[in-house]
Every structure is written in structure tokens, then in C-alpha cells.
């Protein structure tokens, strides 16, 4: 079960999305590696159930391309595939797409609707 969904809206981000996604994946991998140490308390509570650190936090990264006119879709897909290749079952990711630009709020709502977790913090 997914315990944490990270939603990142994108619009014409081909040159800027990589550092953001790399940082998110590196942070999540570190939390998994150290059993949740360094994770904010509200996430430890949510993922651990009783305030203790979870042994294997599960998370997903949802990148929502909001009708970009540049190469954002291809860059995001390649990046997630590359970064998550050896992440194991505790970390997954998907790239979602709006065919036309609908605004950041719509992109966030699309991400929320596609999230696999049981609820929100």
C-alpha cells in the first residue's frame, strides 16, 4: 500500500524538472535505507501507524504534465525510468499528461485523483 504520494505539476519544465525529481527520489531512497530516520514526524506517524519509524516507507511520485509545449513529457518519463530502475517496491512513479494546459490547480487535482494511497495527511 502506498503511504505517501508526491505530486509535482509541470508546465514547460524540460530544463528544470530533473533536479527536483532527483532530490525527491534521493530523499525517499534515504528514508527507506535508514528505516525512516530523518522523515518528518507527521509522515512517520502516518506511515508507521503509531509514531514509530516505518521499516519500509512506500511512496509514489506523480509527475503531471499540464499540456507542455516542449519536451517535458519525454524528459520526465526517461528520468523516472532511470531513477526508479533499482528503487525496489517501496518507491514507484508515473507521468500523467493533460493534452492542453489547464492550470496548476487542475494538474494537482489530476495527481490527487490518480494517487494510490488510502487518504491524505
PDB file of N, CA and C in Angstrom:
ATOM      1  N   UNK A   1       0.838  -1.177   0.000  1.00  0.00           N
ATOM      2  CA  UNK A   1       0.000   0.000   0.000  1.00  0.00           C
ATOM      3  C   UNK A   1       0.891   1.251   0.000  1.00  0.00           C
ATOM      4  N   UNK A   2       0.493   2.224  -0.802  1.00  0.00           N
ATOM      5  CA  UNK A   2       1.227   3.482  -0.879  1.00  0.00           C
ATOM      6  C   UNK A   2       0.895   4.315   0.359  1.00  0.00           C
ATOM      7  N   UNK A   3       1.923   4.799   1.035  1.00  0.00           N
ATOM      8  CA  UNK A   3       1.729   5.611   2.217  1.00  0.00           C
ATOM      9  C   UNK A   3       1.910   7.091   1.959  1.00  0.00           C
ATOM     10  N   UNK A   4       2.613   7.435   0.871  1.00  0.00           N
ATOM     11  CA  UNK A   4       2.912   8.833   0.579  1.00  0.00           C
ATOM     12  C   UNK A   4       2.891   9.031  -0.927  1.00  0.00           C
ATOM     13  N   UNK A   5       2.146  10.018  -1.375  1.00  0.00           N
ATOM     14  CA  UNK A   5       2.118  10.383  -2.789  1.00  0.00           C
ATOM     15  C   UNK A   5       2.673  11.795  -2.930  1.00  0.00           C
ATOM     16  N   UNK A   6       3.672  11.939  -3.774  1.00  0.00           N
ATOM     17  CA  UNK A   6       4.253  13.244  -4.060  1.00  0.00           C
ATOM     18  C   UNK A   6       3.785  13.643  -5.447  1.00  0.00           C
ATOM     19  N   UNK A   7       3.097  14.767  -5.538  1.00  0.00           N
ATOM     20  CA  UNK A   7       2.548  15.233  -6.809  1.00  0.00           C
ATOM     21  C   UNK A   7       3.320  16.471  -7.244  1.00  0.00           C
ATOM     22  N   UNK A   8       3.870  16.418  -8.444  1.00  0.00           N
ATOM     23  CA  UNK A   8       4.644  17.531  -8.979  1.00  0.00           C
ATOM     24  C   UNK A   8       4.017  17.970 -10.303  1.00  0.00           C
ATOM     25  N   UNK A   9       3.333  19.136 -10.314  1.00  0.00           N
ATOM     26  CA  UNK A   9       2.780  19.646 -11.571  1.00  0.00           C
ATOM     27  C   UNK A   9       3.898  20.223 -12.435  1.00  0.00           C
ATOM     28  N   UNK A  10       3.785  20.047 -13.756  1.00  0.00           N
ATOM     29  CA  UNK A  10       4.835  20.528 -14.663  1.00  0.00           C
ATOM     30  C   UNK A  10       4.202  21.242 -15.853  1.00  0.00           C
ATOM     31  N   UNK A  11       4.804  22.347 -16.253  1.00  0.00           N
ATOM     32  CA  UNK A  11       4.417  23.021 -17.491  1.00  0.00           C
ATOM     33  C   UNK A  11       5.691  23.602 -18.094  1.00  0.00           C
ATOM     34  N   UNK A  12       6.074  23.101 -19.245  1.00  0.00           N
ATOM     35  CA  UNK A  12       7.300  23.523 -19.940  1.00  0.00           C
ATOM     36  C   UNK A  12       8.509  23.492 -19.003  1.00  0.00           C
ATOM     37  N   UNK A  13       8.739  22.336 -18.419  1.00  0.00           N
ATOM     38  CA  UNK A  13       9.781  22.168 -17.402  1.00  0.00           C
ATOM     39  C   UNK A  13      10.960  21.315 -17.877  1.00  0.00           C
ATOM     40  N   UNK A  14      11.128  21.107 -19.161  1.00  0.00           N
ATOM     41  CA  UNK A  14      12.154  20.188 -19.637  1.00  0.00           C
ATOM     42  C   UNK A  14      13.546  20.526 -19.106  1.00  0.00           C
ATOM     43  N   UNK A  15      13.829  21.788 -18.876  1.00  0.00           N
ATOM     44  CA  UNK A  15      15.157  22.193 -18.405  1.00  0.00           C
ATOM     45  C   UNK A  15      15.249  22.310 -16.894  1.00  0.00           C
ATOM     46  N   UNK A  16      14.103  22.189 -16.171  1.00  0.00           N
ATOM     47  CA  UNK A  16      14.118  22.410 -14.726  1.00  0.00           C
ATOM     48  C   UNK A  16      13.632  21.230 -13.896  1.00  0.00           C
ATOM     49  N   UNK A  17      13.014  20.240 -14.498  1.00  0.00           N
ATOM     50  CA  UNK A  17      12.388  19.184 -13.713  1.00  0.00           C
ATOM     51  C   UNK A  17      13.403  18.195 -13.124  1.00  0.00           C
ATOM     52  N   UNK A  18      14.513  17.994 -13.779  1.00  0.00           N
ATOM     53  CA  UNK A  18      15.460  16.966 -13.337  1.00  0.00           C
ATOM     54  C   UNK A  18      15.958  17.151 -11.912  1.00  0.00           C
ATOM     55  N   UNK A  19      16.448  18.327 -11.507  1.00  0.00           N
ATOM     56  CA  UNK A  19      16.927  18.447 -10.120  1.00  0.00           C
ATOM     57  C   UNK A  19      15.830  18.211  -9.081  1.00  0.00           C
ATOM     58  N   UNK A  20      14.616  18.631  -9.377  1.00  0.00           N
ATOM     59  CA  UNK A  20      13.504  18.439  -8.442  1.00  0.00           C
ATOM     60  C   UNK A  20      13.224  16.955  -8.233  1.00  0.00           C
ATOM     61  N   UNK A  21      13.127  16.224  -9.328  1.00  0.00           N
ATOM     62  CA  UNK A  21      12.823  14.795  -9.241  1.00  0.00           C
ATOM     63  C   UNK A  21      13.990  14.038  -8.623  1.00  0.00           C
ATOM     64  N   UNK A  22      15.212  14.385  -8.993  1.00  0.00           N
ATOM     65  CA  UNK A  22      16.386  13.726  -8.396  1.00  0.00           C
ATOM     66  C   UNK A  22      16.408  13.911  -6.879  1.00  0.00           C
ATOM     67  N   UNK A  23      16.124  15.129  -6.408  1.00  0.00           N
ATOM     68  CA  UNK A  23      16.094  15.395  -4.963  1.00  0.00           C
ATOM     69  C   UNK A  23      14.998  14.594  -4.265  1.00  0.00           C
ATOM     70  N   UNK A  24      13.817  14.545  -4.871  1.00  0.00           N
ATOM     71  CA  UNK A  24      12.711  13.800  -4.261  1.00  0.00           C
ATOM     72  C   UNK A  24      13.044  12.316  -4.167  1.00  0.00           C
ATOM     73  N   UNK A  25      13.558  11.741  -5.240  1.00  0.00           N
ATOM     74  CA  UNK A  25      13.897  10.315  -5.238  1.00  0.00           C
ATOM     75  C   UNK A  25      15.025  10.031  -4.250  1.00  0.00           C
ATOM     76  N   UNK A  26      16.046  10.878  -4.222  1.00  0.00           N
ATOM     77  CA  UNK A  26      17.160  10.669  -3.290  1.00  0.00           C
ATOM     78  C   UNK A  26      16.693  10.726  -1.845  1.00  0.00           C
ATOM     79  N   UNK A  27      15.819  11.661  -1.518  1.00  0.00           N
ATOM     80  CA  UNK A  27      15.292  11.770  -0.158  1.00  0.00           C
ATOM     81  C   UNK A  27      14.487  10.532   0.210  1.00  0.00           C
ATOM     82  N   UNK A  28      13.608  10.097  -0.676  1.00  0.00           N
ATOM     83  CA  UNK A  28      12.793   8.916  -0.393  1.00  0.00           C
ATOM     84  C   UNK A  28      13.650   7.665  -0.252  1.00  0.00           C
ATOM     85  N   UNK A  29      14.654   7.505  -1.115  1.00  0.00           N
ATOM     86  CA  UNK A  29      15.556   6.347  -1.017  1.00  0.00           C
ATOM     87  C   UNK A  29      16.322   6.376   0.307  1.00  0.00           C
ATOM     88  N   UNK A  30      16.728   7.550   0.749  1.00  0.00           N
ATOM     89  CA  UNK A  30      17.447   7.673   2.020  1.00  0.00           C
ATOM     90  C   UNK A  30      16.548   7.284   3.180  1.00  0.00           C
ATOM     91  N   UNK A  31      15.298   7.727   3.171  1.00  0.00           N
ATOM     92  CA  UNK A  31      14.363   7.360   4.231  1.00  0.00           C
ATOM     93  C   UNK A  31      14.182   5.854   4.304  1.00  0.00           C
ATOM     94  N   UNK A  32      14.090   5.205   3.137  1.00  0.00           N
ATOM     95  CA  UNK A  32      13.937   3.746   3.104  1.00  0.00           C
ATOM     96  C   UNK A  32      15.195   3.084   3.654  1.00  0.00           C
ATOM     97  N   UNK A  33      16.352   3.579   3.238  1.00  0.00           N
ATOM     98  CA  UNK A  33      17.635   2.986   3.632  1.00  0.00           C
ATOM     99  C   UNK A  33      17.839   3.016   5.147  1.00  0.00           C
ATOM    100  N   UNK A  34      17.415   4.084   5.785  1.00  0.00           N
ATOM    101  CA  UNK A  34      17.641   4.233   7.229  1.00  0.00           C
ATOM    102  C   UNK A  34      16.374   3.987   8.039  1.00  0.00           C
ATOM    103  N   UNK A  35      15.411   3.314   7.451  1.00  0.00           N
ATOM    104  CA  UNK A  35      14.200   2.952   8.185  1.00  0.00           C
ATOM    105  C   UNK A  35      13.351   4.118   8.631  1.00  0.00           C
ATOM    106  N   UNK A  36      13.363   5.195   7.876  1.00  0.00           N
ATOM    107  CA  UNK A  36      12.503   6.325   8.192  1.00  0.00           C
ATOM    108  C   UNK A  36      13.178   7.424   8.998  1.00  0.00           C
ATOM    109  N   UNK A  37      14.442   7.244   9.398  1.00  0.00           N
ATOM    110  CA  UNK A  37      15.129   8.301  10.150  1.00  0.00           C
ATOM    111  C   UNK A  37      15.237   9.549   9.285  1.00  0.00           C
ATOM    112  N   UNK A  38      14.996  10.694   9.898  1.00  0.00           N
ATOM    113  CA  UNK A  38      15.056  11.960   9.182  1.00  0.00           C
ATOM    114  C   UNK A  38      13.743  12.342   8.535  1.00  0.00           C
ATOM    115  N   UNK A  39      12.804  11.413   8.539  1.00  0.00           N
ATOM    116  CA  UNK A  39      11.489  11.678   7.971  1.00  0.00           C
ATOM    117  C   UNK A  39      10.730  12.609   8.913  1.00  0.00           C
ATOM    118  N   UNK A  40      10.008  13.594   8.390  1.00  0.00           N
ATOM    119  CA  UNK A  40       9.209  14.466   9.258  1.00  0.00           C
ATOM    120  C   UNK A  40       8.259  13.653  10.131  1.00  0.00           C
ATOM    121  N   UNK A  41       8.032  14.120  11.358  1.00  0.00           N
ATOM    122  CA  UNK A  41       7.241  13.362  12.327  1.00  0.00           C
ATOM    123  C   UNK A  41       5.854  13.030  11.818  1.00  0.00           C
ATOM    124  N   UNK A  42       5.229  13.948  11.064  1.00  0.00           N
ATOM    125  CA  UNK A  42       3.869  13.670  10.622  1.00  0.00           C
ATOM    126  C   UNK A  42       3.825  12.532   9.609  1.00  0.00           C
ATOM    127  N   UNK A  43       4.896  12.357   8.850  1.00  0.00           N
ATOM    128  CA  UNK A  43       4.961  11.224   7.922  1.00  0.00           C
ATOM    129  C   UNK A  43       5.289   9.936   8.663  1.00  0.00           C
ATOM    130  N   UNK A  44       6.159  10.020   9.671  1.00  0.00           N
ATOM    131  CA  UNK A  44       6.455   8.821  10.469  1.00  0.00           C
ATOM    132  C   UNK A  44       5.182   8.290  11.100  1.00  0.00           C
ATOM    133  N   UNK A  45       4.383   9.193  11.657  1.00  0.00           N
ATOM    134  CA  UNK A  45       3.114   8.788  12.268  1.00  0.00           C
ATOM    135  C   UNK A  45       2.199   8.155  11.244  1.00  0.00           C
ATOM    136  N   UNK A  46       2.099   8.789  10.103  1.00  0.00           N
ATOM    137  CA  UNK A  46       1.194   8.323   9.049  1.00  0.00           C
ATOM    138  C   UNK A  46       1.640   6.972   8.495  1.00  0.00           C
ATOM    139  N   UNK A  47       2.912   6.835   8.219  1.00  0.00           N
ATOM    140  CA  UNK A  47       3.417   5.613   7.597  1.00  0.00           C
ATOM    141  C   UNK A  47       3.707   4.514   8.609  1.00  0.00           C
ATOM    142  N   UNK A  48       4.010   4.912   9.843  1.00  0.00           N
ATOM    143  CA  UNK A  48       4.341   3.915  10.854  1.00  0.00           C
ATOM    144  C   UNK A  48       3.154   3.481  11.682  1.00  0.00           C
ATOM    145  N   UNK A  49       2.115   4.262  11.688  1.00  0.00           N
ATOM    146  CA  UNK A  49       0.910   3.874  12.391  1.00  0.00           C
ATOM    147  C   UNK A  49       0.860   4.382  13.821  1.00  0.00           C
ATOM    148  N   UNK A  50       1.930   4.217  14.592  1.00  0.00           N
ATOM    149  CA  UNK A  50       1.874   4.606  15.987  1.00  0.00           C
ATOM    150  C   UNK A  50       2.964   5.570  16.374  1.00  0.00           C
ATOM    151  N   UNK A  51       3.519   6.294  15.410  1.00  0.00           N
ATOM    152  CA  UNK A  51       4.553   7.257  15.722  1.00  0.00           C
ATOM    153  C   UNK A  51       5.952   6.710  15.529  1.00  0.00           C
ATOM    154  N   UNK A  52       6.099   5.386  15.447  1.00  0.00           N
ATOM    155  CA  UNK A  52       7.431   4.816  15.226  1.00  0.00           C
ATOM    156  C   UNK A  52       7.789   4.938  13.752  1.00  0.00           C
ATOM    157  N   UNK A  53       9.071   4.843  13.462  1.00  0.00           N
ATOM    158  CA  UNK A  53       9.517   4.917  12.075  1.00  0.00           C
ATOM    159  C   UNK A  53       9.140   3.637  11.346  1.00  0.00           C
ATOM    160  N   UNK A  54       8.633   3.746  10.124  1.00  0.00           N
ATOM    161  CA  UNK A  54       8.291   2.559   9.373  1.00  0.00           C
ATOM    162  C   UNK A  54       9.551   1.827   8.927  1.00  0.00           C
ATOM    163  N   UNK A  55       9.458   0.530   8.766  1.00  0.00           N
ATOM    164  CA  UNK A  55      10.622  -0.216   8.295  1.00  0.00           C
ATOM    165  C   UNK A  55      10.790  -0.073   6.801  1.00  0.00           C
ATOM    166  N   UNK A  56       9.728   0.109   6.056  1.00  0.00           N
ATOM    167  CA  UNK A  56       9.818   0.275   4.610  1.00  0.00           C
ATOM    168  C   UNK A  56       8.753   1.255   4.128  1.00  0.00           C
ATOM    169  N   UNK A  57       9.037   2.558   4.226  1.00  0.00           N
ATOM    170  CA  UNK A  57       8.057   3.515   3.754  1.00  0.00           C
ATOM    171  C   UNK A  57       7.786   3.294   2.268  1.00  0.00           C
ATOM    172  N   UNK A  58       6.550   3.357   1.861  1.00  0.00           N
ATOM    173  CA  UNK A  58       6.194   3.202   0.463  1.00  0.00           C
ATOM    174  C   UNK A  58       5.707   4.536  -0.062  1.00  0.00           C
ATOM    175  N   UNK A  59       6.183   4.900  -1.231  1.00  0.00           N
ATOM    176  CA  UNK A  59       5.849   6.205  -1.786  1.00  0.00           C
ATOM    177  C   UNK A  59       5.737   6.122  -3.295  1.00  0.00           C
ATOM    178  N   UNK A  60       5.010   7.083  -3.846  1.00  0.00           N
ATOM    179  CA  UNK A  60       4.913   7.219  -5.292  1.00  0.00           C
ATOM    180  C   UNK A  60       5.140   8.682  -5.645  1.00  0.00           C
ATOM    181  N   UNK A  61       5.752   8.885  -6.800  1.00  0.00           N
ATOM    182  CA  UNK A  61       5.949  10.222  -7.332  1.00  0.00           C
ATOM    183  C   UNK A  61       5.083  10.325  -8.578  1.00  0.00           C
ATOM    184  N   UNK A  62       4.183  11.288  -8.575  1.00  0.00           N
ATOM    185  CA  UNK A  62       3.306  11.519  -9.715  1.00  0.00           C
ATOM    186  C   UNK A  62       3.685  12.847 -10.356  1.00  0.00           C
ATOM    187  N   UNK A  63       4.208  12.794 -11.555  1.00  0.00           N
ATOM    188  CA  UNK A  63       4.545  13.989 -12.315  1.00  0.00           C
ATOM    189  C   UNK A  63       3.390  14.250 -13.265  1.00  0.00           C
ATOM    190  N   UNK A  64       2.809  15.432 -13.202  1.00  0.00           N
ATOM    191  CA  UNK A  64       1.653  15.753 -14.033  1.00  0.00           C
ATOM    192  C   UNK A  64       2.048  16.831 -15.035  1.00  0.00           C
ATOM    193  N   UNK A  65       2.159  16.430 -16.292  1.00  0.00           N
ATOM    194  CA  UNK A  65       2.495  17.341 -17.377  1.00  0.00           C
ATOM    195  C   UNK A  65       1.219  18.063 -17.811  1.00  0.00           C
ATOM    196  N   UNK A  66       1.177  19.356 -17.573  1.00  0.00           N
ATOM    197  CA  UNK A  66      -0.024  20.142 -17.838  1.00  0.00           C
ATOM    198  C   UNK A  66       0.000  20.772 -19.230  1.00  0.00           C
ATOM    199  N   UNK A  67       0.063  19.930 -20.257  1.00  0.00           N
ATOM    200  CA  UNK A  67      -0.006  20.414 -21.631  1.00  0.00           C
ATOM    201  C   UNK A  67       1.221  21.161 -22.105  1.00  0.00           C
ATOM    202  N   UNK A  68       2.382  20.743 -21.660  1.00  0.00           N
ATOM    203  CA  UNK A  68       3.625  21.419 -22.048  1.00  0.00           C
ATOM    204  C   UNK A  68       3.814  21.426 -23.560  1.00  0.00           C
ATOM    205  N   UNK A  69       4.427  22.491 -24.050  1.00  0.00           N
ATOM    206  CA  UNK A  69       4.718  22.637 -25.480  1.00  0.00           C
ATOM    207  C   UNK A  69       6.137  22.170 -25.807  1.00  0.00           C
ATOM    208  N   UNK A  70       6.944  21.897 -24.790  1.00  0.00           N
ATOM    209  CA  UNK A  70       8.331  21.487 -25.006  1.00  0.00           C
ATOM    210  C   UNK A  70       8.439  19.974 -24.814  1.00  0.00           C
ATOM    211  N   UNK A  71       9.600  19.483 -24.491  1.00  0.00           N
ATOM    212  CA  UNK A  71       9.894  18.059 -24.381  1.00  0.00           C
ATOM    213  C   UNK A  71       9.752  17.543 -22.939  1.00  0.00           C
ATOM    214  N   UNK A  72       8.957  18.210 -22.117  1.00  0.00           N
ATOM    215  CA  UNK A  72       8.796  17.847 -20.712  1.00  0.00           C
ATOM    216  C   UNK A  72       8.369  16.398 -20.544  1.00  0.00           C
ATOM    217  N   UNK A  73       7.422  15.928 -21.326  1.00  0.00           N
ATOM    218  CA  UNK A  73       6.901  14.564 -21.180  1.00  0.00           C
ATOM    219  C   UNK A  73       8.017  13.535 -21.341  1.00  0.00           C
ATOM    220  N   UNK A  74       8.783  13.636 -22.413  1.00  0.00           N
ATOM    221  CA  UNK A  74       9.853  12.663 -22.675  1.00  0.00           C
ATOM    222  C   UNK A  74      10.944  12.740 -21.612  1.00  0.00           C
ATOM    223  N   UNK A  75      11.301  13.953 -21.207  1.00  0.00           N
ATOM    224  CA  UNK A  75      12.332  14.127 -20.175  1.00  0.00           C
ATOM    225  C   UNK A  75      11.871  13.495 -18.868  1.00  0.00           C
ATOM    226  N   UNK A  76      10.630  13.750 -18.469  1.00  0.00           N
ATOM    227  CA  UNK A  76      10.096  13.219 -17.209  1.00  0.00           C
ATOM    228  C   UNK A  76      10.012  11.692 -17.246  1.00  0.00           C
ATOM    229  N   UNK A  77       9.532  11.131 -18.340  1.00  0.00           N
ATOM    230  CA  UNK A  77       9.424   9.676 -18.456  1.00  0.00           C
ATOM    231  C   UNK A  77      10.799   9.008 -18.379  1.00  0.00           C
ATOM    232  N   UNK A  78      11.771   9.554 -19.118  1.00  0.00           N
ATOM    233  CA  UNK A  78      13.127   8.997 -19.104  1.00  0.00           C
ATOM    234  C   UNK A  78      13.737   9.098 -17.706  1.00  0.00           C
ATOM    235  N   UNK A  79      13.552  10.230 -17.069  1.00  0.00           N
ATOM    236  CA  UNK A  79      14.121  10.470 -15.747  1.00  0.00           C
ATOM    237  C   UNK A  79      13.549   9.509 -14.709  1.00  0.00           C
ATOM    238  N   UNK A  80      12.231   9.359 -14.667  1.00  0.00           N
ATOM    239  CA  UNK A  80      11.627   8.429 -13.704  1.00  0.00           C
ATOM    240  C   UNK A  80      12.085   6.999 -13.957  1.00  0.00           C
ATOM    241  N   UNK A  81      12.114   6.606 -15.213  1.00  0.00           N
ATOM    242  CA  UNK A  81      12.563   5.246 -15.534  1.00  0.00           C
ATOM    243  C   UNK A  81      13.998   5.029 -15.048  1.00  0.00           C
ATOM    244  N   UNK A  82      14.850   5.992 -15.288  1.00  0.00           N
ATOM    245  CA  UNK A  82      16.255   5.898 -14.884  1.00  0.00           C
ATOM    246  C   UNK A  82      16.408   5.876 -13.363  1.00  0.00           C
ATOM    247  N   UNK A  83      15.749   6.776 -12.667  1.00  0.00           N
ATOM    248  CA  UNK A  83      15.923   6.914 -11.224  1.00  0.00           C
ATOM    249  C   UNK A  83      15.251   5.796 -10.426  1.00  0.00           C
ATOM    250  N   UNK A  84      14.170   5.245 -10.954  1.00  0.00           N
ATOM    251  CA  UNK A  84      13.425   4.233 -10.209  1.00  0.00           C
ATOM    252  C   UNK A  84      13.777   2.803 -10.625  1.00  0.00           C
ATOM    253  N   UNK A  85      14.716   2.654 -11.543  1.00  0.00           N
ATOM    254  CA  UNK A  85      15.076   1.325 -12.053  1.00  0.00           C
ATOM    255  C   UNK A  85      15.480   0.370 -10.936  1.00  0.00           C
ATOM    256  N   UNK A  86      16.209   0.849  -9.946  1.00  0.00           N
ATOM    257  CA  UNK A  86      16.687  -0.003  -8.852  1.00  0.00           C
ATOM    258  C   UNK A  86      16.112   0.405  -7.504  1.00  0.00           C
ATOM    259  N   UNK A  87      14.974   1.071  -7.512  1.00  0.00           N
ATOM    260  CA  UNK A  87      14.401   1.586  -6.267  1.00  0.00           C
ATOM    261  C   UNK A  87      13.686   0.516  -5.459  1.00  0.00           C
ATOM    262  N   UNK A  88      13.328  -0.585  -6.079  1.00  0.00           N
ATOM    263  CA  UNK A  88      12.605  -1.625  -5.360  1.00  0.00           C
ATOM    264  C   UNK A  88      11.133  -1.289  -5.238  1.00  0.00           C
ATOM    265  N   UNK A  89      10.405  -2.120  -4.513  1.00  0.00           N
ATOM    266  CA  UNK A  89       8.950  -1.956  -4.435  1.00  0.00           C
ATOM    267  C   UNK A  89       8.488  -0.819  -3.536  1.00  0.00           C
ATOM    268  N   UNK A  90       9.388  -0.184  -2.808  1.00  0.00           N
ATOM    269  CA  UNK A  90       8.961   0.862  -1.884  1.00  0.00           C
ATOM    270  C   UNK A  90       8.813   2.228  -2.548  1.00  0.00           C
ATOM    271  N   UNK A  91       9.220   2.331  -3.811  1.00  0.00           N
ATOM    272  CA  UNK A  91       9.155   3.619  -4.491  1.00  0.00           C
ATOM    273  C   UNK A  91       8.750   3.415  -5.946  1.00  0.00           C
ATOM    274  N   UNK A  92       7.651   4.071  -6.344  1.00  0.00           N
ATOM    275  CA  UNK A  92       7.170   3.975  -7.717  1.00  0.00           C
ATOM    276  C   UNK A  92       6.934   5.376  -8.258  1.00  0.00           C
ATOM    277  N   UNK A  93       6.676   5.476  -9.536  1.00  0.00           N
ATOM    278  CA  UNK A  93       6.402   6.764 -10.141  1.00  0.00           C
ATOM    279  C   UNK A  93       5.678   6.629 -11.460  1.00  0.00           C
ATOM    280  N   UNK A  94       4.953   7.682 -11.792  1.00  0.00           N
ATOM    281  CA  UNK A  94       4.222   7.737 -13.060  1.00  0.00           C
ATOM    282  C   UNK A  94       4.241   9.162 -13.581  1.00  0.00           C
ATOM    283  N   UNK A  95       4.140   9.281 -14.904  1.00  0.00           N
ATOM    284  CA  UNK A  95       3.983  10.591 -15.533  1.00  0.00           C
ATOM    285  C   UNK A  95       2.589  10.630 -16.135  1.00  0.00           C
ATOM    286  N   UNK A  96       1.802  11.592 -15.701  1.00  0.00           N
ATOM    287  CA  UNK A  96       0.450  11.800 -16.214  1.00  0.00           C
ATOM    288  C   UNK A  96       0.490  13.001 -17.156  1.00  0.00           C
ATOM    289  N   UNK A  97      -0.523  13.108 -18.028  1.00  0.00           N
ATOM    290  CA  UNK A  97      -0.477  14.187 -19.020  1.00  0.00           C
ATOM    291  C   UNK A  97      -1.854  14.777 -19.292  1.00  0.00           C
ATOM    292  N   UNK A  98      -1.903  16.108 -19.310  1.00  0.00           N
ATOM    293  CA  UNK A  98      -3.039  16.843 -19.864  1.00  0.00           C
ATOM    294  C   UNK A  98      -2.656  17.194 -21.293  1.00  0.00           C
ATOM    295  N   UNK A  99      -3.542  16.998 -22.220  1.00  0.00           N
ATOM    296  CA  UNK A  99      -3.241  17.333 -23.623  1.00  0.00           C
ATOM    297  C   UNK A  99      -3.122  18.841 -23.837  1.00  0.00           C
ATOM    298  N   UNK A 100      -3.902  19.615 -23.079  1.00  0.00           N
ATOM    299  CA  UNK A 100      -3.823  21.075 -23.155  1.00  0.00           C
ATOM    300  C   UNK A 100      -3.597  21.624 -21.748  1.00  0.00           C
ATOM    301  N   UNK A 101      -3.019  22.807 -21.675  1.00  0.00           N
ATOM    302  CA  UNK A 101      -2.753  23.445 -20.396  1.00  0.00           C
ATOM    303  C   UNK A 101      -4.062  23.808 -19.713  1.00  0.00           C
ATOM    304  N   UNK A 102      -4.238  23.311 -18.476  1.00  0.00           N
ATOM    305  CA  UNK A 102      -5.458  23.569 -17.705  1.00  0.00           C
ATOM    306  C   UNK A 102      -5.156  24.301 -16.412  1.00  0.00           C
ATOM    307  N   UNK A 103      -3.889  24.566 -16.130  1.00  0.00           N
ATOM    308  CA  UNK A 103      -3.516  25.289 -14.929  1.00  0.00           C
ATOM    309  C   UNK A 103      -2.983  24.369 -13.839  1.00  0.00           C
ATOM    310  N   UNK A 104      -2.224  24.967 -12.923  1.00  0.00           N
ATOM    311  CA  UNK A 104      -1.573  24.199 -11.861  1.00  0.00           C
ATOM    312  C   UNK A 104      -2.580  23.485 -10.966  1.00  0.00           C
ATOM    313  N   UNK A 105      -3.670  24.158 -10.626  1.00  0.00           N
ATOM    314  CA  UNK A 105      -4.682  23.534  -9.774  1.00  0.00           C
ATOM    315  C   UNK A 105      -5.252  22.270 -10.396  1.00  0.00           C
ATOM    316  N   UNK A 106      -5.526  22.315 -11.689  1.00  0.00           N
ATOM    317  CA  UNK A 106      -6.050  21.138 -12.392  1.00  0.00           C
ATOM    318  C   UNK A 106      -5.010  20.023 -12.405  1.00  0.00           C
ATOM    319  N   UNK A 107      -3.749  20.387 -12.570  1.00  0.00           N
ATOM    320  CA  UNK A 107      -2.686  19.370 -12.565  1.00  0.00           C
ATOM    321  C   UNK A 107      -2.585  18.704 -11.193  1.00  0.00           C
ATOM    322  N   UNK A 108      -2.688  19.492 -10.137  1.00  0.00           N
ATOM    323  CA  UNK A 108      -2.643  18.928  -8.782  1.00  0.00           C
ATOM    324  C   UNK A 108      -3.854  18.029  -8.542  1.00  0.00           C
ATOM    325  N   UNK A 109      -5.028  18.464  -8.975  1.00  0.00           N
ATOM    326  CA  UNK A 109      -6.237  17.631  -8.819  1.00  0.00           C
ATOM    327  C   UNK A 109      -6.107  16.316  -9.587  1.00  0.00           C
ATOM    328  N   UNK A 110      -5.526  16.364 -10.776  1.00  0.00           N
ATOM    329  CA  UNK A 110      -5.303  15.140 -11.552  1.00  0.00           C
ATOM    330  C   UNK A 110      -4.380  14.207 -10.785  1.00  0.00           C
ATOM    331  N   UNK A 111      -3.328  14.751 -10.200  1.00  0.00           N
ATOM    332  CA  UNK A 111      -2.411  13.938  -9.400  1.00  0.00           C
ATOM    333  C   UNK A 111      -3.092  13.331  -8.193  1.00  0.00           C
ATOM    334  N   UNK A 112      -3.902  14.125  -7.497  1.00  0.00           N
ATOM    335  CA  UNK A 112      -4.629  13.616  -6.329  1.00  0.00           C
ATOM    336  C   UNK A 112      -5.581  12.492  -6.722  1.00  0.00           C
ATOM    337  N   UNK A 113      -6.281  12.666  -7.845  1.00  0.00           N
ATOM    338  CA  UNK A 113      -7.220  11.650  -8.297  1.00  0.00           C
ATOM    339  C   UNK A 113      -6.504  10.351  -8.682  1.00  0.00           C
ATOM    340  N   UNK A 114      -5.266  10.460  -9.148  1.00  0.00           N
ATOM    341  CA  UNK A 114      -4.520   9.279  -9.578  1.00  0.00           C
ATOM    342  C   UNK A 114      -3.712   8.642  -8.455  1.00  0.00           C
ATOM    343  N   UNK A 115      -3.618   9.321  -7.328  1.00  0.00           N
ATOM    344  CA  UNK A 115      -2.814   8.807  -6.206  1.00  0.00           C
ATOM    345  C   UNK A 115      -3.351   7.471  -5.705  1.00  0.00           C
ATOM    346  N   UNK A 116      -2.439   6.597  -5.341  1.00  0.00           N
ATOM    347  CA  UNK A 116      -2.805   5.238  -4.930  1.00  0.00           C
ATOM    348  C   UNK A 116      -3.015   5.076  -3.430  1.00  0.00           C
ATOM    349  N   UNK A 117      -2.641   6.069  -2.655  1.00  0.00           N
ATOM    350  CA  UNK A 117      -2.715   5.970  -1.200  1.00  0.00           C
ATOM    351  C   UNK A 117      -4.140   5.945  -0.682  1.00  0.00           C
ATOM    352  N   UNK A 118      -4.308   5.544   0.591  1.00  0.00           N
ATOM    353  CA  UNK A 118      -5.632   5.421   1.187  1.00  0.00           C
ATOM    354  C   UNK A 118      -6.264   6.751   1.584  1.00  0.00           C
ATOM    355  N   UNK A 119      -5.498   7.811   1.683  1.00  0.00           N
ATOM    356  CA  UNK A 119      -6.033   9.103   2.119  1.00  0.00           C
ATOM    357  C   UNK A 119      -4.951  10.130   2.107  1.00  0.00           C
ATOM    358  N   UNK A 120      -5.233  11.284   2.686  1.00  0.00           N
ATOM    359  CA  UNK A 120      -4.282  12.389   2.699  1.00  0.00           C
ATOM    360  C   UNK A 120      -3.910  12.737   4.121  1.00  0.00           C
ATOM    361  N   UNK A 121      -2.666  13.236   4.290  1.00  0.00           N
ATOM    362  CA  UNK A 121      -2.210  13.699   5.602  1.00  0.00           C
ATOM    363  C   UNK A 121      -2.887  15.000   5.948  1.00  0.00           C
TER     364      UNK A 121
END
